[in-house]
Amino acid sequence: MQENYQPLTIEQDVQQAWETAGVFKASESSSADKYYCLSMFPYPSGKLHMGHVRNYTIGDVISRYQRMLGKNVLQPMGWDAFGLPAENAAMQHGVHPADWTYSNIDYMRDQLKRLGFGYDWDREIATCDPDYYRWEQWFFLKLLAKGLVYKKTAPVNWCPHDMTVLANEQVIDGCCWRCDTHVERKEISQWFLKITAYADELLSALETLDGWPEQVKTMQANWIGRSEGVEMDFAVPELGQPVRIYTTRPDTLMGVTYLAVAAEHPLALKAAENNPGIAEFINACKLMETSEAAMETMEKRGIASGIDALHPITGEAVPVWIANFVLMGYGTGAVMSVPAHDQRDYEFAVKYGIAIRQVIFAQDSVGDDCSEHAYTAKGVLKNSGEFDGLTSEQAFVKIAGTLEQAGKGLRKVNFRLRDWGVSRQRYWGAPIPVIYCDDCGTVPVPEQDLPVELPRDVVLDGSQSPLVAHPTFSKTACPSCGKPARRETDTFDTFMESSWYFARFTCNNADTMLDARVDHWLPVDYYIGGIEHAILHLLYARFYTKLLRDEGLLTADEPFKKLLTQGMVLKDGSKMSKSKGNTVDPQGLIDQYGADTVRLFIMFAAPPEQSLEWSDSGVEGAHRFLKRLWRQAYLHIEAGGARQALDKQSLTQEQQTVRRQLHQTIQKVSHDMGVRTIFNTAIAANMELINTLSKFTDGSDNGKAVRQEVLEAIVLMLSPIVPHICHQLWLQLGNQQTVITVPWPQIDESALAQDSLELMVQINGKLRGKISVPAGASAGDIEATALNDEQVKRFIEDMPVKKVIVVPNKLVNIVV
C-alpha cells in the first residue's frame, strides 16, 4: 500500500473499474426491491456549478446507500437541453444552438463522471433529441383530440428583446429575467394545456404525499388556490352586457362602492374609445409587471371609466374604475370592491375619494372600526337591508340564494390555477405539431410524419423565430385536403420536456413513448432538487403524470414518492452567481484535491435542506480527514493487519470500549442516512471514531482484529459519500470483493451491552464531574452516587439540594 494518499490516480483507476464492471446498470429482471433515485436534470450551460455538485452528490449518496441495503437502484442522468440560453449563446458565439448544446453536454458529462456519480449512462437522454420530443408531440396530439389542448388569444408578458412570452415568474422588477429588458403586456394567440381540469385532483392528492416537505405542499396548495364563492353579474346598460365578478365574500355585497376592471376588459376598451386619458392609462398598464410579488408591492393606480354598473340586489348605480391591480388573465378580469372590508380596496378608495360603506361588524363591537383601515374579519351584518343581523356565514347562504333566484348569480368553486400556456415564439424548442389550412383550419400533423424536426439551416438574428420564414414551415401541404398550408412556428415551453423525463428514463424506447418498464420503476422513490422548482416544475410533472395515466401509458398517480429540496450554496452570505463574481469552479477543486474531498466537504458543511456556506478552509479540512483515514489504514496494514479473527470472548476493557463506540456509530449513522437523510452528523460520527482509533495502540492480535473491524466499518459507512478512497481501502484491507457490492454494516448488539455507565454531573447546569454507575442502576441509586461523589460534594458544600434531575444514560443535574 502506498504511504501517501494520491486521490487523482486512485479516482481515475476506480472509475475505470466501475465502468468496466458496469456496476451502475439497472435491470428490471432483478429480484431485489427497486429503488429509483433521481436528481433534477441540469440545463447544459457549459460547466457544472456548486449547486449542481451539491444536488447530484446528495442523490448519489442516497443511491449508494440504498444499493448497500440490497435494493435494485436506478439512478439515471440526462439533459434539459432546449431553451432560450442556447439560442442567445448561438447568436453570441456564432454557432448553432445544437452544436453549442451538445458540446456542453459532452463537457458536463465528463465532469459528472469525474465526481464519481453512479449513473446508468445507458439511459441518458437529451430533450433536444428528436427521438425524445417526437413522443411529446405525439402525446400533445392525443391531448388535442381529447379536448385537453386549445388555442386562444390571451394577454401575456412579452419580452421585446428576446421576442417571446414570459411566465409571470420570469418577470423580475418589470424586466425579463434573462436580458433585463422592460416587459410589455401583449395579446397573442397561444396554445394551452387544460391543467384546470385536474385542479381538484392536484389539490386533494397533496394529502397522499407523505414524503414531501410541508412547505412545498403548502406552496402548491396556495398556487392551486381552491375557493368557494359566488359568481354574479352587475348589469351595465351602457355596455349592453353585464360585468361578471367572483367573490368569496358575498356577505359584504351590500358594502360595494365601486367595481374595478382590468385594462384589457371590454368595458375599459369601450371607455377608451373617446377618452384619450383612459387610452393612455390602458397603454401604461401594458408596460407593467404582472407577477404576484409585483402586484402586491406596486402603487395601486386607476382611472374612472365614466360608466356605471347596477348593484344586483339594490339596483343602485356603482361606478366602474379601471385599475392596474386587476388582471384579465385572472378570474373574470373584474372585481367588486368593498373598501370597508378589504385593505387593498380601502387604500384605493382613500386615494381616489371613493365612498367607504361598512356592513360587517364584530359580534362584541370591539376592533371593527374602519376609520383608518379595513375591517377584514367576518362578523354580523348591518346596513344591509333584509340581511341585517345575519352572521357572515348565514349571509353567504342567504345572499347566494337571493342572487340565484333572481338569475343574477351562482355559487361556484373557483381555482386560482390558470391553464398552462405552452407556446414560445423561439426557435430552440420542440415544434408544436399542427398545420394551418385556410380551408380545413387547424390540422394535426399525421402520426407517421412525426417528429416535426427543427431545421438546421437557419440564421438566428434575434429579430424573430427563423421558423416563421423557413420554407419547410411557411409552405407545406395540408394533410387533409392537400392544398397549400403552413406549419405552427411556435415551439413548446421547456417545462413540457421536464414534465415527463423521469418516466422516459425508465424505458427509452424508440418505438413507443413509454413501455411496461415504466410501471416497474415509477413512482420515483426519492427526488432531489432546489426549492425554486417547488411550484411550476413539480406541479406540471404531477399534472403530466395524471395525463399519462389517463391515456393508459402508466399506472402511477403521482411521480415522486419522496422529495428533498436542498439548500443553496452561498459564499460570503450570498448565492453563488457569475454576476456577483463569487463562484467556485468545481473542476479546479477536483484537480487540486480530488472528487472525494469535494463530495465530503459538500456533505459535511450543512444538512441537505439548509443553505451551505462555502469555506476554503472547510475543503482543506475535508482533505486532511481523508489523509488521516488513509494514514490509519496504512499504519494498520504496515503493522501486519489482522492476523486472526476477532475473539469476542477475550476482549479487554479497552477493546470493548472501542467496539462499543464502533457499533454505536453504526447505529447512529444508519439512522442518520436511512431515516433522517442527514449526512453531516454521519460524517462527524465517523470522524470521532477515527479520533478514537488513532489513540488505540493495542498491538495484540485481538487489538489488531478490533482495529480491522473498525477500519472496515468506517470504509463501508463512508463509501456512499467518498466512494473512490473507500473502494481502494477496502481492497487494501484484504477484501476480495469491491466495496460497492458489500452490504451495509450491521450492529452487533452484544457490543452495545455495558456493565457500567459513565454519566456527567452538572450543578446548576455547569459540568462539575462524572460518575460511574452500574448499567441497570435506578434513578435513585444514580442520584445517591452523584450526591456522595467527593468532587460533587466539594462544589455543593453546605448548600441545600433543591432538585436532582437524572437524564437516563447521559447526565445528572443537581439544582442547589
Foldseek 3Di string as FASTA:
>chain_A
DDQFDDFVVLLVVVLVVCVVVVPLAFDLPDPFAAAEFEEQAEALPQADFVQNVLRQLLSLLLQLQVVLQVHRYAYAYEHLYFDDVLLVVCQVVVHFSVVVRVVSVVVHVVVVSQLVRRHNHVLYDYCQDQLACLQLLVLVVVCVVVVQKDKDKDKFWAAQQLGKGDDLVQADQQAGVPPRGHIFIDIDIFMFGNLVVCLVVLLVCLVVQPQEDPVLNVVQNVQFAKAWWKWFWFAFVVLVGTQIATDNQVVLLLQFQAKEFELPDPLLVVLCPPPVVSVVVSRVLRRGRQRPVCLVPPDKDKDWSPTWTARLPPRDTHTYIYISSFGCQFGNRMYGAALQADFVSVVVCVVVVTDHDDFAAAPVNPPSDRPPGHNHDWHAGDPRPPRHGDTSVRSRVVVQVVCVVVVGMHIDIDTRHDTGGWWIFAQRAQFNAWKADPVPGIHGHDSVPPDPHRDRPFDRDSNTHRLCVDCVAQWDADPPPRHTIGGHNTHTDSLSSLLCVSQCSQPVDSPHNHDPSSQSCPQNAEYEEACVCSHDSQSSNLSVVCSCCVVVRYPDNHRYNHYAHFAAEAEPRHGDDVVVVPTDRVVVLCVVQNSLLSLQLSQQQFFGRYYGYDDPVSSVVSSVLLRLLSNLLVVLVVLPAQPDAADPVDDDPLLLVLLLLLLVLLVVLCCCVPPVSRRNVNVVSLSVSSVSSVVQPDPDNNSSNSSLVSSLLSLLSCCSRRVSSSQVSVVSSPDDDGSSNHHHDDHDVVSNDDQKAKEFEAEVRHTQGIDIDGLPDDPVVVVVRQCPDPSNCVVCPPPDWDDWDDDPRYYIYTYD
